[in-house]
């Protein structure tokens, strides 16, 4: 049962950030294509958003590791 909790924690915890990162990168590429002069601002904001999204996946990994070793 504990292995199921670990698998669900990391699996479900990675779905949201994965979708968010994909959508953000796609929208940023689209925005740069429409307005190439704004590329530096778009890139900086996109990277900042990706960092926050990836932090959520890291939190899920930490929870999964804690669940693995807590009895």
C-alpha atoms as a PDB file:
ATOM      1  CA  UNK A   1       0.000   0.000   0.000  1.00  0.00           C
ATOM      2  CA  UNK A   2       2.888   2.341   0.767  1.00  0.00           C
ATOM      3  CA  UNK A   3       4.363   1.821  -2.710  1.00  0.00           C
ATOM      4  CA  UNK A   4       1.026   2.816  -4.233  1.00  0.00           C
ATOM      5  CA  UNK A   5       1.036   6.062  -2.242  1.00  0.00           C
ATOM      6  CA  UNK A   6       4.584   6.802  -3.413  1.00  0.00           C
ATOM      7  CA  UNK A   7       3.703   6.084  -7.027  1.00  0.00           C
ATOM      8  CA  UNK A   8       0.600   8.265  -6.867  1.00  0.00           C
ATOM      9  CA  UNK A   9       2.461  11.108  -5.154  1.00  0.00           C
ATOM     10  CA  UNK A  10       5.148  11.379  -7.802  1.00  0.00           C
ATOM     11  CA  UNK A  11       2.900  10.434 -10.720  1.00  0.00           C
ATOM     12  CA  UNK A  12       0.108  12.869  -9.993  1.00  0.00           C
ATOM     13  CA  UNK A  13       2.565  15.463  -8.744  1.00  0.00           C
ATOM     14  CA  UNK A  14       4.332  15.491 -12.102  1.00  0.00           C
ATOM     15  CA  UNK A  15       1.258  15.727 -14.335  1.00  0.00           C
ATOM     16  CA  UNK A  16       0.397  19.342 -13.523  1.00  0.00           C
ATOM     17  CA  UNK A  17       3.876  20.782 -13.867  1.00  0.00           C
ATOM     18  CA  UNK A  18       4.449  18.775 -17.054  1.00  0.00           C
ATOM     19  CA  UNK A  19       1.324  20.187 -18.649  1.00  0.00           C
ATOM     20  CA  UNK A  20       2.083  23.674 -17.376  1.00  0.00           C
ATOM     21  CA  UNK A  21       5.614  23.658 -18.735  1.00  0.00           C
ATOM     22  CA  UNK A  22       4.446  22.415 -22.122  1.00  0.00           C
ATOM     23  CA  UNK A  23       1.719  25.018 -22.401  1.00  0.00           C
ATOM     24  CA  UNK A  24       4.005  27.836 -21.225  1.00  0.00           C
ATOM     25  CA  UNK A  25       6.763  26.938 -23.680  1.00  0.00           C
ATOM     26  CA  UNK A  26       4.286  26.679 -26.542  1.00  0.00           C
ATOM     27  CA  UNK A  27       2.678  30.012 -25.740  1.00  0.00           C
ATOM     28  CA  UNK A  28       6.079  31.679 -25.384  1.00  0.00           C
ATOM     29  CA  UNK A  29       7.206  30.353 -28.760  1.00  0.00           C
ATOM     30  CA  UNK A  30       3.980  31.609 -30.286  1.00  0.00           C
ATOM     31  CA  UNK A  31       4.392  35.034 -28.674  1.00  0.00           C
ATOM     32  CA  UNK A  32       7.994  35.321 -29.871  1.00  0.00           C
ATOM     33  CA  UNK A  33       6.857  34.396 -33.361  1.00  0.00           C
ATOM     34  CA  UNK A  34       4.293  37.197 -33.324  1.00  0.00           C
ATOM     35  CA  UNK A  35       6.564  39.793 -31.699  1.00  0.00           C
ATOM     36  CA  UNK A  36      10.279  38.989 -32.017  1.00  0.00           C
ATOM     37  CA  UNK A  37      11.324  42.310 -30.450  1.00  0.00           C
ATOM     38  CA  UNK A  38       9.789  41.263 -27.125  1.00  0.00           C
ATOM     39  CA  UNK A  39      11.813  38.022 -26.993  1.00  0.00           C
ATOM     40  CA  UNK A  40      14.038  38.959 -23.999  1.00  0.00           C
ATOM     41  CA  UNK A  41      11.076  39.851 -21.781  1.00  0.00           C
ATOM     42  CA  UNK A  42       9.087  36.812 -22.890  1.00  0.00           C
ATOM     43  CA  UNK A  43      12.040  34.494 -22.328  1.00  0.00           C
ATOM     44  CA  UNK A  44      12.757  35.817 -18.818  1.00  0.00           C
ATOM     45  CA  UNK A  45       9.115  35.543 -17.759  1.00  0.00           C
ATOM     46  CA  UNK A  46       8.803  32.068 -19.275  1.00  0.00           C
ATOM     47  CA  UNK A  47      11.900  30.795 -17.481  1.00  0.00           C
ATOM     48  CA  UNK A  48      10.628  32.201 -14.182  1.00  0.00           C
ATOM     49  CA  UNK A  49       7.290  30.453 -14.684  1.00  0.00           C
ATOM     50  CA  UNK A  50       9.017  27.191 -15.593  1.00  0.00           C
ATOM     51  CA  UNK A  51      11.089  27.360 -12.417  1.00  0.00           C
ATOM     52  CA  UNK A  52       7.982  27.722 -10.269  1.00  0.00           C
ATOM     53  CA  UNK A  53       6.229  24.874 -12.097  1.00  0.00           C
ATOM     54  CA  UNK A  54       9.253  22.619 -11.723  1.00  0.00           C
ATOM     55  CA  UNK A  55       9.408  23.411  -8.002  1.00  0.00           C
ATOM     56  CA  UNK A  56       5.997  21.780  -7.615  1.00  0.00           C
ATOM     57  CA  UNK A  57       7.321  18.582  -9.205  1.00  0.00           C
ATOM     58  CA  UNK A  58      10.307  18.643  -6.852  1.00  0.00           C
ATOM     59  CA  UNK A  59       7.950  18.993  -3.876  1.00  0.00           C
ATOM     60  CA  UNK A  60       6.071  15.927  -5.114  1.00  0.00           C
ATOM     61  CA  UNK A  61       9.363  14.031  -5.354  1.00  0.00           C
ATOM     62  CA  UNK A  62      10.265  14.990  -1.794  1.00  0.00           C
ATOM     63  CA  UNK A  63       6.865  13.824  -0.554  1.00  0.00           C
ATOM     64  CA  UNK A  64       7.275  10.546  -2.427  1.00  0.00           C
ATOM     65  CA  UNK A  65      10.697   9.992  -0.855  1.00  0.00           C
ATOM     66  CA  UNK A  66       9.339  10.787   2.607  1.00  0.00           C
ATOM     67  CA  UNK A  67       6.438   8.378   2.081  1.00  0.00           C
ATOM     68  CA  UNK A  68       8.895   5.685   1.038  1.00  0.00           C
ATOM     69  CA  UNK A  69      10.882   5.856   4.270  1.00  0.00           C
ATOM     70  CA  UNK A  70       8.170   6.657   6.827  1.00  0.00           C
ATOM     71  CA  UNK A  71       6.661   3.566   8.376  1.00  0.00           C
END
